[in-house]
Amino acid sequence: MNVEFEYEKQPGLRRKCYKSSSIPHFVSIITPFYNAGKYFEQTFNCVMNQTFEWFEWIIVDDGSTNEADLAILEKLAVTDSRIKLVLSDRLFKSHFVRWG
């Protein structure tokens, strides 16, 4: 079977309507962030557009130095109560895997 992927239909280019809720979390998503503002909105849209809504999303900023990127991250993080933002200094990925 040959499946062609249509790259112009990238998920996350458009936003759906976001919901804030106090539903239980069955899945935790942990995403690292380091000066990634240019690319993060599409990641944000992909996660928030999921049909499975019983998750918490922990976004770990690992000491970003770009203030514009941090502003984008903080603006997006307040849009849904399932998002937890962790700001830290440069740490190792394994530390956050154990922490999460």
N, C-alpha and C. Protein backbone atom coordinates (compact mmCIF):
# COMPACT_ATOMS: atom_id res chain seq x y z
N MET A 1 0.84 -1.17 0.00
CA MET A 1 0.00 0.00 0.00
C MET A 1 0.89 1.24 0.00
N ASN A 2 0.64 2.17 -0.90
CA ASN A 2 1.41 3.39 -1.01
C ASN A 2 0.55 4.57 -0.54
N VAL A 3 1.00 5.23 0.50
CA VAL A 3 0.25 6.36 1.05
C VAL A 3 1.04 7.63 0.80
N GLU A 4 0.43 8.58 0.15
CA GLU A 4 1.05 9.87 -0.11
C GLU A 4 0.66 10.86 0.98
N PHE A 5 1.64 11.49 1.61
CA PHE A 5 1.36 12.51 2.62
C PHE A 5 1.29 13.87 1.96
N GLU A 6 0.23 14.60 2.23
CA GLU A 6 0.07 15.93 1.66
C GLU A 6 0.67 16.96 2.63
N TYR A 7 1.89 17.38 2.35
CA TYR A 7 2.61 18.26 3.26
C TYR A 7 1.98 19.63 3.41
N GLU A 8 1.24 20.09 2.42
CA GLU A 8 0.61 21.40 2.55
C GLU A 8 -0.53 21.38 3.56
N LYS A 9 -0.97 20.21 3.99
CA LYS A 9 -2.03 20.09 4.99
C LYS A 9 -1.42 19.76 6.36
N GLN A 10 -0.36 20.45 6.72
CA GLN A 10 0.30 20.19 7.99
C GLN A 10 -0.66 20.40 9.15
N PRO A 11 -0.68 19.47 10.10
CA PRO A 11 -1.52 19.69 11.27
C PRO A 11 -0.96 20.84 12.09
N GLY A 12 -1.83 21.57 12.71
CA GLY A 12 -1.39 22.64 13.60
C GLY A 12 -1.21 23.99 12.94
N LEU A 13 -1.44 24.11 11.65
CA LEU A 13 -1.32 25.42 11.03
C LEU A 13 -2.50 26.31 11.41
N ARG A 14 -3.61 25.69 11.74
CA ARG A 14 -4.79 26.45 12.16
C ARG A 14 -5.20 25.99 13.55
N ARG A 15 -5.83 26.90 14.27
CA ARG A 15 -6.29 26.58 15.61
C ARG A 15 -7.75 26.18 15.60
N LYS A 16 -8.08 25.26 16.48
CA LYS A 16 -9.47 24.96 16.77
C LYS A 16 -9.83 25.75 18.02
N CYS A 17 -11.07 25.69 18.40
CA CYS A 17 -11.51 26.36 19.61
C CYS A 17 -10.98 25.58 20.82
N TYR A 18 -10.30 26.27 21.73
CA TYR A 18 -9.72 25.60 22.89
C TYR A 18 -10.70 25.59 24.04
N LYS A 19 -10.61 24.55 24.84
CA LYS A 19 -11.46 24.42 26.01
C LYS A 19 -10.57 24.41 27.25
N SER A 20 -11.04 25.06 28.28
CA SER A 20 -10.40 24.90 29.58
C SER A 20 -11.35 24.05 30.41
N SER A 21 -10.81 23.09 31.08
CA SER A 21 -11.69 22.23 31.85
C SER A 21 -10.96 21.68 33.06
N SER A 22 -11.73 21.15 33.95
CA SER A 22 -11.14 20.54 35.15
C SER A 22 -11.31 19.02 35.09
N ILE A 23 -11.26 18.46 33.89
CA ILE A 23 -11.38 17.02 33.73
C ILE A 23 -10.12 16.34 34.23
N PRO A 24 -10.21 15.07 34.64
CA PRO A 24 -9.01 14.37 35.12
C PRO A 24 -8.00 14.17 34.00
N HIS A 25 -6.74 14.11 34.39
CA HIS A 25 -5.67 13.92 33.42
C HIS A 25 -5.24 12.45 33.44
N PHE A 26 -5.34 11.78 32.31
CA PHE A 26 -4.91 10.40 32.19
C PHE A 26 -3.56 10.29 31.51
N VAL A 27 -3.15 11.35 30.83
CA VAL A 27 -1.89 11.35 30.09
C VAL A 27 -1.16 12.65 30.39
N SER A 28 0.15 12.57 30.59
CA SER A 28 0.97 13.76 30.73
C SER A 28 1.88 13.87 29.52
N ILE A 29 1.87 15.03 28.90
CA ILE A 29 2.74 15.32 27.77
C ILE A 29 3.82 16.26 28.29
N ILE A 30 5.07 15.91 28.10
CA ILE A 30 6.18 16.78 28.53
C ILE A 30 6.92 17.22 27.28
N THR A 31 7.00 18.54 27.10
CA THR A 31 7.63 19.10 25.92
C THR A 31 8.75 20.06 26.32
N PRO A 32 9.96 19.85 25.84
CA PRO A 32 11.03 20.81 26.10
C PRO A 32 10.88 22.04 25.21
N PHE A 33 11.33 23.16 25.72
CA PHE A 33 11.27 24.43 24.98
C PHE A 33 12.56 25.17 25.24
N TYR A 34 13.25 25.55 24.18
CA TYR A 34 14.45 26.38 24.32
C TYR A 34 14.54 27.28 23.09
N ASN A 35 14.24 28.55 23.29
CA ASN A 35 14.27 29.54 22.20
C ASN A 35 13.55 29.02 20.95
N ALA A 36 12.36 28.47 21.13
CA ALA A 36 11.65 27.82 20.03
C ALA A 36 10.37 28.55 19.63
N GLY A 37 10.28 29.83 19.92
CA GLY A 37 9.06 30.58 19.62
C GLY A 37 8.65 30.54 18.17
N LYS A 38 9.62 30.53 17.28
CA LYS A 38 9.34 30.54 15.84
C LYS A 38 8.56 29.30 15.42
N TYR A 39 8.80 28.19 16.09
CA TYR A 39 8.20 26.91 15.70
C TYR A 39 7.12 26.43 16.65
N PHE A 40 6.99 27.05 17.80
CA PHE A 40 6.18 26.46 18.86
C PHE A 40 4.68 26.61 18.65
N GLU A 41 4.25 27.62 17.95
CA GLU A 41 2.81 27.79 17.77
C GLU A 41 2.20 26.60 17.03
N GLN A 42 2.90 26.06 16.05
CA GLN A 42 2.38 24.89 15.34
C GLN A 42 2.34 23.68 16.27
N THR A 43 3.35 23.50 17.10
CA THR A 43 3.34 22.42 18.09
C THR A 43 2.16 22.60 19.03
N PHE A 44 1.97 23.82 19.50
CA PHE A 44 0.86 24.15 20.39
C PHE A 44 -0.47 23.77 19.76
N ASN A 45 -0.67 24.17 18.51
CA ASN A 45 -1.93 23.88 17.83
C ASN A 45 -2.14 22.37 17.67
N CYS A 46 -1.08 21.64 17.35
CA CYS A 46 -1.20 20.19 17.19
C CYS A 46 -1.65 19.52 18.49
N VAL A 47 -1.05 19.91 19.59
CA VAL A 47 -1.42 19.31 20.88
C VAL A 47 -2.84 19.71 21.26
N MET A 48 -3.15 20.97 21.14
CA MET A 48 -4.46 21.45 21.59
C MET A 48 -5.60 21.00 20.68
N ASN A 49 -5.32 20.62 19.45
CA ASN A 49 -6.36 20.17 18.52
C ASN A 49 -6.67 18.68 18.66
N GLN A 50 -6.04 18.00 19.61
CA GLN A 50 -6.29 16.57 19.79
C GLN A 50 -7.73 16.32 20.20
N THR A 51 -8.29 15.23 19.76
CA THR A 51 -9.65 14.88 20.18
C THR A 51 -9.65 14.23 21.56
N PHE A 52 -8.53 13.66 21.97
CA PHE A 52 -8.39 13.11 23.32
C PHE A 52 -8.05 14.27 24.24
N GLU A 53 -8.96 14.63 25.13
CA GLU A 53 -8.76 15.85 25.92
C GLU A 53 -8.37 15.61 27.37
N TRP A 54 -8.16 14.35 27.77
CA TRP A 54 -7.84 14.06 29.16
C TRP A 54 -6.33 14.02 29.37
N PHE A 55 -5.70 15.15 29.17
CA PHE A 55 -4.25 15.23 29.32
C PHE A 55 -3.86 16.50 30.05
N GLU A 56 -2.67 16.46 30.60
CA GLU A 56 -2.03 17.68 31.07
C GLU A 56 -0.80 17.86 30.20
N TRP A 57 -0.44 19.10 29.97
CA TRP A 57 0.72 19.38 29.12
C TRP A 57 1.72 20.17 29.93
N ILE A 58 2.85 19.59 30.18
CA ILE A 58 3.92 20.24 30.93
C ILE A 58 4.95 20.72 29.92
N ILE A 59 5.09 22.03 29.82
CA ILE A 59 6.07 22.62 28.90
C ILE A 59 7.23 23.11 29.75
N VAL A 60 8.41 22.60 29.48
CA VAL A 60 9.60 22.92 30.28
C VAL A 60 10.51 23.83 29.46
N ASP A 61 10.59 25.09 29.90
CA ASP A 61 11.55 26.00 29.28
C ASP A 61 12.90 25.78 29.95
N ASP A 62 13.87 25.43 29.17
CA ASP A 62 15.20 25.10 29.70
C ASP A 62 16.16 26.28 29.58
N GLY A 63 15.75 27.42 30.13
CA GLY A 63 16.64 28.58 30.18
C GLY A 63 16.71 29.38 28.90
N SER A 64 15.59 29.55 28.21
CA SER A 64 15.59 30.34 26.98
C SER A 64 16.14 31.74 27.23
N THR A 65 16.87 32.24 26.25
CA THR A 65 17.47 33.57 26.37
C THR A 65 16.77 34.60 25.50
N ASN A 66 15.91 34.17 24.62
CA ASN A 66 15.21 35.08 23.72
C ASN A 66 13.90 35.51 24.37
N GLU A 67 13.80 36.80 24.73
CA GLU A 67 12.63 37.31 25.42
C GLU A 67 11.36 37.21 24.57
N ALA A 68 11.48 37.39 23.27
CA ALA A 68 10.31 37.28 22.38
C ALA A 68 9.76 35.86 22.39
N ASP A 69 10.64 34.86 22.39
CA ASP A 69 10.21 33.46 22.44
C ASP A 69 9.52 33.15 23.76
N LEU A 70 10.06 33.68 24.85
CA LEU A 70 9.42 33.47 26.16
C LEU A 70 8.05 34.13 26.22
N ALA A 71 7.91 35.29 25.61
CA ALA A 71 6.60 35.97 25.59
C ALA A 71 5.57 35.14 24.83
N ILE A 72 5.98 34.54 23.71
CA ILE A 72 5.08 33.67 22.95
C ILE A 72 4.67 32.48 23.80
N LEU A 73 5.63 31.85 24.45
CA LEU A 73 5.36 30.69 25.29
C LEU A 73 4.38 31.04 26.41
N GLU A 74 4.62 32.13 27.10
CA GLU A 74 3.76 32.52 28.21
C GLU A 74 2.36 32.88 27.73
N LYS A 75 2.25 33.53 26.57
CA LYS A 75 0.95 33.89 26.01
C LYS A 75 0.13 32.63 25.70
N LEU A 76 0.77 31.63 25.11
CA LEU A 76 0.07 30.40 24.76
C LEU A 76 -0.28 29.57 26.00
N ALA A 77 0.60 29.58 27.00
CA ALA A 77 0.41 28.73 28.18
C ALA A 77 -0.82 29.12 29.00
N VAL A 78 -1.22 30.37 28.96
CA VAL A 78 -2.37 30.80 29.77
C VAL A 78 -3.71 30.53 29.10
N THR A 79 -3.71 29.97 27.90
CA THR A 79 -4.96 29.78 27.17
C THR A 79 -5.74 28.54 27.60
N ASP A 80 -5.12 27.64 28.37
CA ASP A 80 -5.81 26.42 28.76
C ASP A 80 -5.30 25.96 30.12
N SER A 81 -6.20 25.57 31.00
CA SER A 81 -5.82 25.19 32.36
C SER A 81 -5.05 23.88 32.42
N ARG A 82 -5.03 23.11 31.35
CA ARG A 82 -4.28 21.85 31.34
C ARG A 82 -2.80 22.05 31.12
N ILE A 83 -2.39 23.27 30.76
CA ILE A 83 -0.99 23.56 30.47
C ILE A 83 -0.29 24.03 31.73
N LYS A 84 0.82 23.37 32.02
CA LYS A 84 1.67 23.76 33.15
C LYS A 84 3.00 24.20 32.57
N LEU A 85 3.43 25.39 32.92
CA LEU A 85 4.69 25.94 32.41
C LEU A 85 5.73 25.87 33.51
N VAL A 86 6.87 25.25 33.20
CA VAL A 86 7.99 25.14 34.14
C VAL A 86 9.15 25.90 33.55
N LEU A 87 9.59 26.93 34.27
CA LEU A 87 10.74 27.73 33.83
C LEU A 87 11.95 27.32 34.66
N SER A 88 13.06 27.05 34.00
CA SER A 88 14.25 26.61 34.73
C SER A 88 15.51 27.09 34.03
N ASP A 89 16.62 26.86 34.69
CA ASP A 89 17.92 27.09 34.06
C ASP A 89 18.26 25.89 33.20
N ARG A 90 19.32 25.98 32.45
CA ARG A 90 19.73 24.88 31.57
C ARG A 90 19.98 23.61 32.39
N LEU A 91 19.14 22.61 32.17
CA LEU A 91 19.29 21.32 32.84
C LEU A 91 19.30 20.23 31.79
N PHE A 92 19.54 19.03 32.22
CA PHE A 92 19.58 17.91 31.30
C PHE A 92 18.20 17.30 31.12
N LYS A 93 17.94 16.79 29.92
CA LYS A 93 16.64 16.20 29.60
C LYS A 93 16.29 15.08 30.57
N SER A 94 17.25 14.27 30.97
CA SER A 94 16.96 13.16 31.85
C SER A 94 16.41 13.63 33.19
N HIS A 95 16.84 14.81 33.64
CA HIS A 95 16.32 15.36 34.89
C HIS A 95 14.81 15.55 34.79
N PHE A 96 14.33 16.06 33.67
CA PHE A 96 12.91 16.32 33.51
C PHE A 96 12.11 15.05 33.28
N VAL A 97 12.71 14.06 32.67
CA VAL A 97 12.01 12.79 32.50
C VAL A 97 11.77 12.18 33.86
N ARG A 98 12.77 12.20 34.73
CA ARG A 98 12.59 11.68 36.10
C ARG A 98 11.61 12.56 36.87
N TRP A 99 11.69 13.87 36.69
CA TRP A 99 10.80 14.81 37.40
C TRP A 99 9.36 14.62 36.97
N GLY A 100 9.12 14.42 35.64
CA GLY A 100 7.76 14.32 35.11
C GLY A 100 7.11 13.04 35.54
